[in-house]
Amino acid sequence: SCVWGSFHNFETAQATYDACLLNGIRQILTLPATPNERFVVYRGVRPGVYSGRWFVSEGLGWRGGEFQRFENQKDANDAFMSYRRD
């Protein structure tokens, strides 16, 4: 018996990986991390501004959604607040 992280079976793990390929999450996660990078989750389990790569599990719930990467907190906050006003 194998364990695939927190997934119950291989099929669920594979489906999640495939979804990450399609929605760009995998591409973002392969870029080098920067100390000030921030991610805005516009649509997902918990929309908001995230520091670091936790946005994938906390903001998107490892599912699809809409997100964007920023190089600093101010730009991320401004983008999220602008989105919330629209």
PDB file of N, CA and C in Angstrom:
ATOM      1  N   SER A   1       0.844  -1.179   0.000  1.00  0.00           N
ATOM      2  CA  SER A   1       0.000   0.000   0.000  1.00  0.00           C
ATOM      3  C   SER A   1       0.891   1.245   0.000  1.00  0.00           C
ATOM      4  N   CYS A   2       0.532   2.219  -0.786  1.00  0.00           N
ATOM      5  CA  CYS A   2       1.291   3.469  -0.886  1.00  0.00           C
ATOM      6  C   CYS A   2       0.447   4.629  -0.386  1.00  0.00           C
ATOM      7  N   VAL A   3       1.120   5.654   0.039  1.00  0.00           N
ATOM      8  CA  VAL A   3       0.435   6.872   0.456  1.00  0.00           C
ATOM      9  C   VAL A   3       0.907   7.992  -0.451  1.00  0.00           C
ATOM     10  N   TRP A   4      -0.018   8.757  -0.979  1.00  0.00           N
ATOM     11  CA  TRP A   4       0.302   9.887  -1.850  1.00  0.00           C
ATOM     12  C   TRP A   4      -0.051  11.162  -1.115  1.00  0.00           C
ATOM     13  N   GLY A   5       0.813  11.582  -0.218  1.00  0.00           N
ATOM     14  CA  GLY A   5       0.546  12.782   0.567  1.00  0.00           C
ATOM     15  C   GLY A   5      -0.736  12.620   1.350  1.00  0.00           C
ATOM     16  N   SER A   6      -1.598  13.578   1.256  1.00  0.00           N
ATOM     17  CA  SER A   6      -2.872  13.508   1.973  1.00  0.00           C
ATOM     18  C   SER A   6      -3.990  12.970   1.088  1.00  0.00           C
ATOM     19  N   PHE A   7      -3.647  12.433  -0.053  1.00  0.00           N
ATOM     20  CA  PHE A   7      -4.652  11.889  -0.967  1.00  0.00           C
ATOM     21  C   PHE A   7      -4.967  10.445  -0.595  1.00  0.00           C
ATOM     22  N   HIS A   8      -6.209  10.074  -0.789  1.00  0.00           N
ATOM     23  CA  HIS A   8      -6.649   8.729  -0.424  1.00  0.00           C
ATOM     24  C   HIS A   8      -6.168   7.659  -1.396  1.00  0.00           C
ATOM     25  N   ASN A   9      -5.943   8.045  -2.636  1.00  0.00           N
ATOM     26  CA  ASN A   9      -5.515   7.062  -3.625  1.00  0.00           C
ATOM     27  C   ASN A   9      -4.750   7.756  -4.750  1.00  0.00           C
ATOM     28  N   PHE A  10      -4.137   6.944  -5.577  1.00  0.00           N
ATOM     29  CA  PHE A  10      -3.337   7.467  -6.672  1.00  0.00           C
ATOM     30  C   PHE A  10      -4.175   8.268  -7.659  1.00  0.00           C
ATOM     31  N   GLU A  11      -5.377   7.813  -7.941  1.00  0.00           N
ATOM     32  CA  GLU A  11      -6.227   8.492  -8.926  1.00  0.00           C
ATOM     33  C   GLU A  11      -6.531   9.926  -8.499  1.00  0.00           C
ATOM     34  N   THR A  12      -6.815  10.123  -7.215  1.00  0.00           N
ATOM     35  CA  THR A  12      -7.091  11.473  -6.707  1.00  0.00           C
ATOM     36  C   THR A  12      -5.837  12.338  -6.782  1.00  0.00           C
ATOM     37  N   ALA A  13      -4.704  11.758  -6.416  1.00  0.00           N
ATOM     38  CA  ALA A  13      -3.438  12.494  -6.499  1.00  0.00           C
ATOM     39  C   ALA A  13      -3.137  12.879  -7.945  1.00  0.00           C
ATOM     40  N   GLN A  14      -3.334  11.959  -8.870  1.00  0.00           N
ATOM     41  CA  GLN A  14      -3.070  12.225 -10.288  1.00  0.00           C
ATOM     42  C   GLN A  14      -4.005  13.296 -10.833  1.00  0.00           C
ATOM     43  N   ALA A  15      -5.278  13.232 -10.471  1.00  0.00           N
ATOM     44  CA  ALA A  15      -6.246  14.230 -10.945  1.00  0.00           C
ATOM     45  C   ALA A  15      -5.881  15.620 -10.436  1.00  0.00           C
ATOM     46  N   THR A  16      -5.435  15.709  -9.188  1.00  0.00           N
ATOM     47  CA  THR A  16      -5.033  16.998  -8.629  1.00  0.00           C
ATOM     48  C   THR A  16      -3.786  17.520  -9.330  1.00  0.00           C
ATOM     49  N   TYR A  17      -2.823  16.651  -9.581  1.00  0.00           N
ATOM     50  CA  TYR A  17      -1.613  17.047 -10.300  1.00  0.00           C
ATOM     51  C   TYR A  17      -1.956  17.550 -11.701  1.00  0.00           C
ATOM     52  N   ASP A  18      -2.817  16.830 -12.393  1.00  0.00           N
ATOM     53  CA  ASP A  18      -3.224  17.246 -13.740  1.00  0.00           C
ATOM     54  C   ASP A  18      -3.899  18.615 -13.716  1.00  0.00           C
ATOM     55  N   ALA A  19      -4.742  18.848 -12.712  1.00  0.00           N
ATOM     56  CA  ALA A  19      -5.406  20.151 -12.582  1.00  0.00           C
ATOM     57  C   ALA A  19      -4.377  21.250 -12.332  1.00  0.00           C
ATOM     58  N   CYS A  20      -3.350  20.955 -11.532  1.00  0.00           N
ATOM     59  CA  CYS A  20      -2.289  21.936 -11.266  1.00  0.00           C
ATOM     60  C   CYS A  20      -1.511  22.274 -12.533  1.00  0.00           C
ATOM     61  N   LEU A  21      -1.371  21.309 -13.414  1.00  0.00           N
ATOM     62  CA  LEU A  21      -0.723  21.582 -14.699  1.00  0.00           C
ATOM     63  C   LEU A  21      -1.573  22.518 -15.540  1.00  0.00           C
ATOM     64  N   LEU A  22      -2.860  22.260 -15.585  1.00  0.00           N
ATOM     65  CA  LEU A  22      -3.762  23.044 -16.436  1.00  0.00           C
ATOM     66  C   LEU A  22      -3.941  24.478 -15.965  1.00  0.00           C
ATOM     67  N   ASN A  23      -4.020  24.690 -14.656  1.00  0.00           N
ATOM     68  CA  ASN A  23      -4.320  26.039 -14.176  1.00  0.00           C
ATOM     69  C   ASN A  23      -3.086  26.865 -13.826  1.00  0.00           C
ATOM     70  N   GLY A  24      -1.890  26.342 -14.082  1.00  0.00           N
ATOM     71  CA  GLY A  24      -0.673  27.128 -13.904  1.00  0.00           C
ATOM     72  C   GLY A  24      -0.023  27.049 -12.542  1.00  0.00           C
ATOM     73  N   ILE A  25      -0.619  26.308 -11.615  1.00  0.00           N
ATOM     74  CA  ILE A  25      -0.035  26.215 -10.274  1.00  0.00           C
ATOM     75  C   ILE A  25       1.345  25.577 -10.327  1.00  0.00           C
ATOM     76  N   ARG A  26       1.483  24.510 -11.063  1.00  0.00           N
ATOM     77  CA  ARG A  26       2.778  23.826 -11.126  1.00  0.00           C
ATOM     78  C   ARG A  26       3.853  24.755 -11.678  1.00  0.00           C
ATOM     79  N   GLN A  27       3.519  25.515 -12.691  1.00  0.00           N
ATOM     80  CA  GLN A  27       4.492  26.441 -13.281  1.00  0.00           C
ATOM     81  C   GLN A  27       4.955  27.464 -12.245  1.00  0.00           C
ATOM     82  N   ILE A  28       4.030  28.020 -11.479  1.00  0.00           N
ATOM     83  CA  ILE A  28       4.380  28.993 -10.437  1.00  0.00           C
ATOM     84  C   ILE A  28       5.277  28.343  -9.388  1.00  0.00           C
ATOM     85  N   LEU A  29       4.954  27.118  -8.995  1.00  0.00           N
ATOM     86  CA  LEU A  29       5.716  26.454  -7.941  1.00  0.00           C
ATOM     87  C   LEU A  29       7.117  26.043  -8.384  1.00  0.00           C
ATOM     88  N   THR A  30       7.368  25.991  -9.679  1.00  0.00           N
ATOM     89  CA  THR A  30       8.711  25.646 -10.145  1.00  0.00           C
ATOM     90  C   THR A  30       9.611  26.872 -10.294  1.00  0.00           C
ATOM     91  N   LEU A  31       9.034  28.073 -10.217  1.00  0.00           N
ATOM     92  CA  LEU A  31       9.850  29.291 -10.236  1.00  0.00           C
ATOM     93  C   LEU A  31      10.590  29.418  -8.909  1.00  0.00           C
ATOM     94  N   PRO A  32      11.775  30.004  -8.910  1.00  0.00           N
ATOM     95  CA  PRO A  32      12.471  30.214  -7.638  1.00  0.00           C
ATOM     96  C   PRO A  32      11.660  31.147  -6.735  1.00  0.00           C
ATOM     97  N   ALA A  33      11.552  30.783  -5.475  1.00  0.00           N
ATOM     98  CA  ALA A  33      10.837  31.625  -4.511  1.00  0.00           C
ATOM     99  C   ALA A  33      11.668  32.870  -4.219  1.00  0.00           C
ATOM    100  N   THR A  34      10.985  33.976  -3.984  1.00  0.00           N
ATOM    101  CA  THR A  34      11.666  35.207  -3.587  1.00  0.00           C
ATOM    102  C   THR A  34      11.185  35.576  -2.188  1.00  0.00           C
ATOM    103  N   PRO A  35      12.005  36.283  -1.415  1.00  0.00           N
ATOM    104  CA  PRO A  35      11.651  36.571  -0.021  1.00  0.00           C
ATOM    105  C   PRO A  35      10.365  37.380   0.147  1.00  0.00           C
ATOM    106  N   ASN A  36      10.068  38.248  -0.806  1.00  0.00           N
ATOM    107  CA  ASN A  36       8.905  39.128  -0.660  1.00  0.00           C
ATOM    108  C   ASN A  36       7.722  38.740  -1.528  1.00  0.00           C
ATOM    109  N   GLU A  37       7.787  37.602  -2.204  1.00  0.00           N
ATOM    110  CA  GLU A  37       6.699  37.245  -3.108  1.00  0.00           C
ATOM    111  C   GLU A  37       5.389  37.085  -2.338  1.00  0.00           C
ATOM    112  N   ARG A  38       4.338  37.526  -2.992  1.00  0.00           N
ATOM    113  CA  ARG A  38       2.992  37.411  -2.440  1.00  0.00           C
ATOM    114  C   ARG A  38       2.096  36.872  -3.533  1.00  0.00           C
ATOM    115  N   PHE A  39       1.057  36.182  -3.119  1.00  0.00           N
ATOM    116  CA  PHE A  39       0.098  35.621  -4.057  1.00  0.00           C
ATOM    117  C   PHE A  39      -1.287  36.099  -3.682  1.00  0.00           C
ATOM    118  N   VAL A  40      -2.022  36.541  -4.679  1.00  0.00           N
ATOM    119  CA  VAL A  40      -3.412  36.934  -4.468  1.00  0.00           C
ATOM    120  C   VAL A  40      -4.285  35.832  -5.040  1.00  0.00           C
ATOM    121  N   VAL A  41      -5.158  35.303  -4.207  1.00  0.00           N
ATOM    122  CA  VAL A  41      -6.168  34.349  -4.654  1.00  0.00           C
ATOM    123  C   VAL A  41      -7.454  35.145  -4.818  1.00  0.00           C
ATOM    124  N   TYR A  42      -7.901  35.260  -6.057  1.00  0.00           N
ATOM    125  CA  TYR A  42      -9.133  35.982  -6.357  1.00  0.00           C
ATOM    126  C   TYR A  42     -10.341  35.059  -6.231  1.00  0.00           C
ATOM    127  N   ARG A  43     -10.213  33.871  -6.779  1.00  0.00           N
ATOM    128  CA  ARG A  43     -11.276  32.864  -6.683  1.00  0.00           C
ATOM    129  C   ARG A  43     -10.640  31.588  -6.155  1.00  0.00           C
ATOM    130  N   GLY A  44     -11.238  31.021  -5.131  1.00  0.00           N
ATOM    131  CA  GLY A  44     -10.712  29.805  -4.533  1.00  0.00           C
ATOM    132  C   GLY A  44     -11.440  29.511  -3.241  1.00  0.00           C
ATOM    133  N   VAL A  45     -10.874  28.621  -2.454  1.00  0.00           N
ATOM    134  CA  VAL A  45     -11.473  28.249  -1.181  1.00  0.00           C
ATOM    135  C   VAL A  45     -11.491  29.438  -0.225  1.00  0.00           C
ATOM    136  N   ARG A  46     -10.376  30.191  -0.167  1.00  0.00           N
ATOM    137  CA  ARG A  46     -10.263  31.360   0.701  1.00  0.00           C
ATOM    138  C   ARG A  46      -9.547  32.483  -0.024  1.00  0.00           C
ATOM    139  N   PRO A  47     -10.259  33.334  -0.743  1.00  0.00           N
ATOM    140  CA  PRO A  47      -9.614  34.461  -1.420  1.00  0.00           C
ATOM    141  C   PRO A  47      -8.871  35.349  -0.419  1.00  0.00           C
ATOM    142  N   GLY A  48      -7.748  35.894  -0.857  1.00  0.00           N
ATOM    143  CA  GLY A  48      -6.969  36.770   0.003  1.00  0.00           C
ATOM    144  C   GLY A  48      -5.549  36.912  -0.507  1.00  0.00           C
ATOM    145  N   VAL A  49      -4.714  37.549   0.312  1.00  0.00           N
ATOM    146  CA  VAL A  49      -3.300  37.754  -0.003  1.00  0.00           C
ATOM    147  C   VAL A  49      -2.488  36.787   0.853  1.00  0.00           C
ATOM    148  N   TYR A  50      -1.581  36.059   0.221  1.00  0.00           N
ATOM    149  CA  TYR A  50      -0.781  35.051   0.907  1.00  0.00           C
ATOM    150  C   TYR A  50       0.697  35.324   0.717  1.00  0.00           C
ATOM    151  N   SER A  51       1.463  35.138   1.789  1.00  0.00           N
ATOM    152  CA  SER A  51       2.916  35.215   1.674  1.00  0.00           C
ATOM    153  C   SER A  51       3.421  33.794   1.486  1.00  0.00           C
ATOM    154  N   GLY A  52       4.289  33.626   0.548  1.00  0.00           N
ATOM    155  CA  GLY A  52       4.824  32.304   0.296  1.00  0.00           C
ATOM    156  C   GLY A  52       3.878  31.418  -0.491  1.00  0.00           C
ATOM    157  N   ARG A  53       4.216  30.168  -0.531  1.00  0.00           N
ATOM    158  CA  ARG A  53       3.528  29.229  -1.414  1.00  0.00           C
ATOM    159  C   ARG A  53       2.332  28.535  -0.771  1.00  0.00           C
ATOM    160  N   TRP A  54       1.955  28.938   0.439  1.00  0.00           N
ATOM    161  CA  TRP A  54       0.803  28.325   1.106  1.00  0.00           C
ATOM    162  C   TRP A  54      -0.508  28.644   0.419  1.00  0.00           C
ATOM    163  N   PHE A  55      -0.481  29.583  -0.512  1.00  0.00           N
ATOM    164  CA  PHE A  55      -1.719  29.934  -1.203  1.00  0.00           C
ATOM    165  C   PHE A  55      -2.328  28.735  -1.914  1.00  0.00           C
ATOM    166  N   VAL A  56      -1.490  27.776  -2.299  1.00  0.00           N
ATOM    167  CA  VAL A  56      -1.993  26.615  -3.037  1.00  0.00           C
ATOM    168  C   VAL A  56      -2.911  25.778  -2.150  1.00  0.00           C
ATOM    169  N   SER A  57      -2.477  25.499  -0.933  1.00  0.00           N
ATOM    170  CA  SER A  57      -3.306  24.675  -0.060  1.00  0.00           C
ATOM    171  C   SER A  57      -4.361  25.496   0.666  1.00  0.00           C
ATOM    172  N   GLU A  58      -3.998  26.654   1.206  1.00  0.00           N
ATOM    173  CA  GLU A  58      -4.941  27.430   2.001  1.00  0.00           C
ATOM    174  C   GLU A  58      -5.914  28.242   1.160  1.00  0.00           C
ATOM    175  N   GLY A  59      -5.419  28.891   0.132  1.00  0.00           N
ATOM    176  CA  GLY A  59      -6.273  29.759  -0.678  1.00  0.00           C
ATOM    177  C   GLY A  59      -7.040  29.033  -1.765  1.00  0.00           C
ATOM    178  N   LEU A  60      -6.364  28.082  -2.402  1.00  0.00           N
ATOM    179  CA  LEU A  60      -6.993  27.353  -3.508  1.00  0.00           C
ATOM    180  C   LEU A  60      -7.490  25.977  -3.099  1.00  0.00           C
ATOM    181  N   GLY A  61      -7.029  25.462  -1.967  1.00  0.00           N
ATOM    182  CA  GLY A  61      -7.412  24.121  -1.555  1.00  0.00           C
ATOM    183  C   GLY A  61      -6.937  23.062  -2.532  1.00  0.00           C
ATOM    184  N   TRP A  62      -5.797  23.312  -3.171  1.00  0.00           N
ATOM    185  CA  TRP A  62      -5.219  22.421  -4.193  1.00  0.00           C
ATOM    186  C   TRP A  62      -6.155  22.226  -5.370  1.00  0.00           C
ATOM    187  N   ARG A  63      -7.083  23.132  -5.542  1.00  0.00           N
ATOM    188  CA  ARG A  63      -7.993  23.043  -6.675  1.00  0.00           C
ATOM    189  C   ARG A  63      -7.771  24.262  -7.562  1.00  0.00           C
ATOM    190  N   GLY A  64      -8.531  24.312  -8.597  1.00  0.00           N
ATOM    191  CA  GLY A  64      -8.430  25.451  -9.495  1.00  0.00           C
ATOM    192  C   GLY A  64      -8.936  26.720  -8.848  1.00  0.00           C
ATOM    193  N   GLY A  65      -8.707  27.783  -9.506  1.00  0.00           N
ATOM    194  CA  GLY A  65      -9.129  29.082  -9.026  1.00  0.00           C
ATOM    195  C   GLY A  65      -8.442  30.132  -9.859  1.00  0.00           C
ATOM    196  N   GLU A  66      -8.455  31.320  -9.352  1.00  0.00           N
ATOM    197  CA  GLU A  66      -7.792  32.418 -10.047  1.00  0.00           C
ATOM    198  C   GLU A  66      -6.817  33.050  -9.076  1.00  0.00           C
ATOM    199  N   PHE A  67      -5.557  33.172  -9.483  1.00  0.00           N
ATOM    200  CA  PHE A  67      -4.523  33.711  -8.611  1.00  0.00           C
ATOM    201  C   PHE A  67      -3.506  34.477  -9.434  1.00  0.00           C
ATOM    202  N   GLN A  68      -2.687  35.266  -8.738  1.00  0.00           N
ATOM    203  CA  GLN A  68      -1.640  36.038  -9.396  1.00  0.00           C
ATOM    204  C   GLN A  68      -0.481  36.207  -8.424  1.00  0.00           C
ATOM    205  N   ARG A  69       0.724  36.223  -8.955  1.00  0.00           N
ATOM    206  CA  ARG A  69       1.939  36.387  -8.151  1.00  0.00           C
ATOM    207  C   ARG A  69       2.394  37.844  -8.221  1.00  0.00           C
ATOM    208  N   PHE A  70       2.847  38.368  -7.078  1.00  0.00           N
ATOM    209  CA  PHE A  70       3.373  39.728  -6.991  1.00  0.00           C
ATOM    210  C   PHE A  70       4.720  39.696  -6.284  1.00  0.00           C
ATOM    211  N   GLU A  71       5.524  40.713  -6.528  1.00  0.00           N
ATOM    212  CA  GLU A  71       6.852  40.785  -5.922  1.00  0.00           C
ATOM    213  C   GLU A  71       6.867  41.487  -4.572  1.00  0.00           C
ATOM    214  N   ASN A  72       5.739  42.071  -4.156  1.00  0.00           N
ATOM    215  CA  ASN A  72       5.722  42.736  -2.856  1.00  0.00           C
ATOM    216  C   ASN A  72       4.304  42.811  -2.298  1.00  0.00           C
ATOM    217  N   GLN A  73       4.225  43.076  -1.004  1.00  0.00           N
ATOM    218  CA  GLN A  73       2.954  43.112  -0.279  1.00  0.00           C
ATOM    219  C   GLN A  73       2.041  44.233  -0.769  1.00  0.00           C
ATOM    220  N   LYS A  74       2.598  45.415  -1.008  1.00  0.00           N
ATOM    221  CA  LYS A  74       1.772  46.556  -1.413  1.00  0.00           C
ATOM    222  C   LYS A  74       1.042  46.282  -2.720  1.00  0.00           C
ATOM    223  N   ASP A  75       1.761  45.803  -3.721  1.00  0.00           N
ATOM    224  CA  ASP A  75       1.119  45.522  -5.009  1.00  0.00           C
ATOM    225  C   ASP A  75       0.054  44.439  -4.871  1.00  0.00           C
ATOM    226  N   ALA A  76       0.336  43.434  -4.059  1.00  0.00           N
ATOM    227  CA  ALA A  76      -0.639  42.362  -3.844  1.00  0.00           C
ATOM    228  C   ALA A  76      -1.884  42.902  -3.141  1.00  0.00           C
ATOM    229  N   ASN A  77      -1.684  43.698  -2.090  1.00  0.00           N
ATOM    230  CA  ASN A  77      -2.827  44.281  -1.374  1.00  0.00           C
ATOM    231  C   ASN A  77      -3.652  45.177  -2.288  1.00  0.00           C
ATOM    232  N   ASP A  78      -2.972  46.017  -3.065  1.00  0.00           N
ATOM    233  CA  ASP A  78      -3.678  46.920  -3.982  1.00  0.00           C
ATOM    234  C   ASP A  78      -4.509  46.137  -4.995  1.00  0.00           C
ATOM    235  N   ALA A  79      -3.932  45.083  -5.544  1.00  0.00           N
ATOM    236  CA  ALA A  79      -4.650  44.274  -6.537  1.00  0.00           C
ATOM    237  C   ALA A  79      -5.864  43.598  -5.917  1.00  0.00           C
ATOM    238  N   PHE A  80      -5.699  43.062  -4.717  1.00  0.00           N
ATOM    239  CA  PHE A  80      -6.816  42.375  -4.069  1.00  0.00           C
ATOM    240  C   PHE A  80      -7.926  43.354  -3.699  1.00  0.00           C
ATOM    241  N   MET A  81      -7.557  44.514  -3.168  1.00  0.00           N
ATOM    242  CA  MET A  81      -8.567  45.513  -2.793  1.00  0.00           C
ATOM    243  C   MET A  81      -9.290  46.033  -4.028  1.00  0.00           C
ATOM    244  N   SER A  82      -8.577  46.232  -5.117  1.00  0.00           N
ATOM    245  CA  SER A  82      -9.198  46.671  -6.363  1.00  0.00           C
ATOM    246  C   SER A  82     -10.186  45.623  -6.859  1.00  0.00           C
ATOM    247  N   TYR A  83      -9.796  44.363  -6.771  1.00  0.00           N
ATOM    248  CA  TYR A  83     -10.679  43.266  -7.186  1.00  0.00           C
ATOM    249  C   TYR A  83     -11.938  43.229  -6.321  1.00  0.00           C
ATOM    250  N   ARG A  84     -11.776  43.427  -5.019  1.00  0.00           N
ATOM    251  CA  ARG A  84     -12.921  43.384  -4.093  1.00  0.00           C
ATOM    252  C   ARG A  84     -13.899  44.530  -4.356  1.00  0.00           C
ATOM    253  N   ARG A  85     -13.377  45.660  -4.825  1.00  0.00           N
ATOM    254  CA  ARG A  85     -14.254  46.810  -5.110  1.00  0.00           C
ATOM    255  C   ARG A  85     -15.076  46.596  -6.368  1.00  0.00           C
ATOM    256  N   ASP A  86     -14.539  45.829  -7.312  1.00  0.00           N
ATOM    257  CA  ASP A  86     -15.227  45.633  -8.602  1.00  0.00           C
ATOM    258  C   ASP A  86     -16.419  44.713  -8.497  1.00  0.00           C
TER     259      ASP A  86
END
